[in-house]
Amino acid sequence: MLAQHGQIDTFRFSLPLRFENAIVSYAIYLRQLIWPIDLAVLYPHPEKFFPFPIIAGCIALLMVLSAIAIIYRNDSRFRSPAGFGLLACWSR
């Protein structure tokens, strides 16, 4: 809400930094879904770039999970009402 009124400088972070933060954040959220540690109400934005091996690992994890969801989207054994299963249910 504050960003809509111009009270927060949203251009402080470059687009590549935002993009890699989104990729790493998805992987962190999936880890926290399985093992809920280091939880917080507000996660501060990192002000530096992540190391390349972390970004590559997160991209590989997300690609593998997406490929599994796409491959098994029509398999009735893997239906789930949430998450990647929801994607598989809607793809019919």
C-alpha atoms as a PDB file:
ATOM      1  CA  MET A   1       0.000   0.000   0.000  1.00  0.00           C
ATOM      2  CA  LEU A   2       2.821   2.406   0.819  1.00  0.00           C
ATOM      3  CA  ALA A   3       4.537   1.637  -2.493  1.00  0.00           C
ATOM      4  CA  GLN A   4       1.406   2.666  -4.385  1.00  0.00           C
ATOM      5  CA  HIS A   5       1.521   6.121  -2.822  1.00  0.00           C
ATOM      6  CA  GLY A   6       5.227   6.623  -3.570  1.00  0.00           C
ATOM      7  CA  GLN A   7       6.414   6.409   0.033  1.00  0.00           C
ATOM      8  CA  ILE A   8       8.717   3.444  -0.639  1.00  0.00           C
ATOM      9  CA  ASP A   9      11.529   3.602  -3.178  1.00  0.00           C
ATOM     10  CA  THR A  10      10.850   0.468  -5.238  1.00  0.00           C
ATOM     11  CA  PHE A  11      13.567   1.283  -7.772  1.00  0.00           C
ATOM     12  CA  ARG A  12      16.340   0.937  -5.198  1.00  0.00           C
ATOM     13  CA  PHE A  13      16.796  -2.704  -6.179  1.00  0.00           C
ATOM     14  CA  SER A  14      17.788  -3.617  -9.719  1.00  0.00           C
ATOM     15  CA  LEU A  15      15.687  -5.977 -11.824  1.00  0.00           C
ATOM     16  CA  PRO A  16      18.296  -8.796 -11.815  1.00  0.00           C
ATOM     17  CA  LEU A  17      18.484  -8.604  -8.008  1.00  0.00           C
ATOM     18  CA  ARG A  18      14.698  -8.808  -7.752  1.00  0.00           C
ATOM     19  CA  PHE A  19      14.580 -11.726 -10.184  1.00  0.00           C
ATOM     20  CA  GLU A  20      17.183 -13.785  -8.359  1.00  0.00           C
ATOM     21  CA  ASN A  21      15.580 -12.947  -5.014  1.00  0.00           C
ATOM     22  CA  ALA A  22      12.276 -14.336  -6.325  1.00  0.00           C
ATOM     23  CA  ILE A  23      13.933 -17.579  -7.443  1.00  0.00           C
ATOM     24  CA  VAL A  24      15.796 -18.086  -4.174  1.00  0.00           C
ATOM     25  CA  SER A  25      12.708 -17.116  -2.141  1.00  0.00           C
ATOM     26  CA  TYR A  26      10.597 -19.794  -3.859  1.00  0.00           C
ATOM     27  CA  ALA A  27      13.155 -22.430  -2.890  1.00  0.00           C
ATOM     28  CA  ILE A  28      13.365 -21.116   0.671  1.00  0.00           C
ATOM     29  CA  TYR A  29       9.565 -21.175   1.005  1.00  0.00           C
ATOM     30  CA  LEU A  30       9.477 -24.787  -0.226  1.00  0.00           C
ATOM     31  CA  ARG A  31      12.127 -25.705   2.352  1.00  0.00           C
ATOM     32  CA  GLN A  32      10.136 -23.939   5.067  1.00  0.00           C
ATOM     33  CA  LEU A  33       7.027 -25.825   3.987  1.00  0.00           C
ATOM     34  CA  ILE A  34       8.804 -29.092   4.759  1.00  0.00           C
ATOM     35  CA  TRP A  35      10.996 -27.936   7.659  1.00  0.00           C
ATOM     36  CA  PRO A  36       9.495 -24.791   9.265  1.00  0.00           C
ATOM     37  CA  ILE A  37      12.496 -23.071  10.824  1.00  0.00           C
ATOM     38  CA  ASP A  38      13.683 -19.455  10.506  1.00  0.00           C
ATOM     39  CA  LEU A  39      10.123 -18.204  10.089  1.00  0.00           C
ATOM     40  CA  ALA A  40       9.389 -14.481  10.303  1.00  0.00           C
ATOM     41  CA  VAL A  41       6.493 -12.125   9.745  1.00  0.00           C
ATOM     42  CA  LEU A  42       8.479  -9.931   7.392  1.00  0.00           C
ATOM     43  CA  TYR A  43      11.451 -11.107   5.350  1.00  0.00           C
ATOM     44  CA  PRO A  44      13.860  -8.269   4.555  1.00  0.00           C
ATOM     45  CA  HIS A  45      15.080  -7.972   0.980  1.00  0.00           C
ATOM     46  CA  PRO A  46      18.745  -8.912   0.595  1.00  0.00           C
ATOM     47  CA  GLU A  47      20.775  -5.957  -0.572  1.00  0.00           C
ATOM     48  CA  LYS A  48      23.437  -8.021  -2.332  1.00  0.00           C
ATOM     49  CA  PHE A  49      23.455 -10.695  -5.009  1.00  0.00           C
ATOM     50  CA  PHE A  50      23.397 -14.382  -4.066  1.00  0.00           C
ATOM     51  CA  PRO A  51      26.341 -16.608  -5.058  1.00  0.00           C
ATOM     52  CA  PHE A  52      25.897 -18.330  -8.416  1.00  0.00           C
ATOM     53  CA  PRO A  53      25.801 -21.928  -7.026  1.00  0.00           C
ATOM     54  CA  ILE A  54      22.824 -21.019  -4.813  1.00  0.00           C
ATOM     55  CA  ILE A  55      20.935 -19.473  -7.716  1.00  0.00           C
ATOM     56  CA  ALA A  56      21.733 -22.419 -10.008  1.00  0.00           C
ATOM     57  CA  GLY A  57      20.622 -24.914  -7.350  1.00  0.00           C
ATOM     58  CA  CYS A  58      17.351 -23.072  -6.763  1.00  0.00           C
ATOM     59  CA  ILE A  59      16.647 -22.885 -10.494  1.00  0.00           C
ATOM     60  CA  ALA A  60      17.368 -26.606 -10.856  1.00  0.00           C
ATOM     61  CA  LEU A  61      15.076 -27.452  -7.922  1.00  0.00           C
ATOM     62  CA  LEU A  62      12.206 -25.393  -9.297  1.00  0.00           C
ATOM     63  CA  MET A  63      12.663 -26.828 -12.801  1.00  0.00           C
ATOM     64  CA  VAL A  64      12.671 -30.413 -11.501  1.00  0.00           C
ATOM     65  CA  LEU A  65       9.552 -29.857  -9.371  1.00  0.00           C
ATOM     66  CA  SER A  66       7.781 -28.153 -12.272  1.00  0.00           C
ATOM     67  CA  ALA A  67       8.735 -30.987 -14.641  1.00  0.00           C
ATOM     68  CA  ILE A  68       7.422 -33.570 -12.170  1.00  0.00           C
ATOM     69  CA  ALA A  69       4.145 -31.650 -11.861  1.00  0.00           C
ATOM     70  CA  ILE A  70       3.785 -31.436 -15.645  1.00  0.00           C
ATOM     71  CA  ILE A  71       4.666 -35.096 -16.240  1.00  0.00           C
ATOM     72  CA  TYR A  72       2.232 -36.388 -13.606  1.00  0.00           C
ATOM     73  CA  ARG A  73      -0.554 -33.855 -14.210  1.00  0.00           C
ATOM     74  CA  ASN A  74      -2.960 -36.488 -15.552  1.00  0.00           C
ATOM     75  CA  ASP A  75      -2.036 -39.241 -13.096  1.00  0.00           C
ATOM     76  CA  SER A  76      -4.892 -39.608 -10.609  1.00  0.00           C
ATOM     77  CA  ARG A  77      -2.573 -41.027  -7.922  1.00  0.00           C
ATOM     78  CA  PHE A  78      -0.837 -37.675  -7.506  1.00  0.00           C
ATOM     79  CA  ARG A  79      -3.849 -35.373  -7.188  1.00  0.00           C
ATOM     80  CA  SER A  80      -3.562 -32.777  -4.481  1.00  0.00           C
ATOM     81  CA  PRO A  81      -5.812 -29.812  -3.710  1.00  0.00           C
ATOM     82  CA  ALA A  82      -2.870 -27.449  -3.152  1.00  0.00           C
ATOM     83  CA  GLY A  83       0.505 -26.438  -4.543  1.00  0.00           C
ATOM     84  CA  PHE A  84       1.877 -28.125  -7.635  1.00  0.00           C
ATOM     85  CA  GLY A  85      -1.008 -30.592  -7.488  1.00  0.00           C
ATOM     86  CA  LEU A  86      -3.412 -27.715  -8.029  1.00  0.00           C
ATOM     87  CA  LEU A  87      -1.553 -26.878 -11.235  1.00  0.00           C
ATOM     88  CA  ALA A  88      -1.929 -30.490 -12.331  1.00  0.00           C
ATOM     89  CA  CYS A  89      -5.677 -30.518 -11.579  1.00  0.00           C
ATOM     90  CA  TRP A  90      -6.337 -27.320 -13.549  1.00  0.00           C
ATOM     91  CA  SER A  91      -4.361 -28.363 -16.598  1.00  0.00           C
ATOM     92  CA  ARG A  92      -7.077 -30.634 -17.971  1.00  0.00           C
END
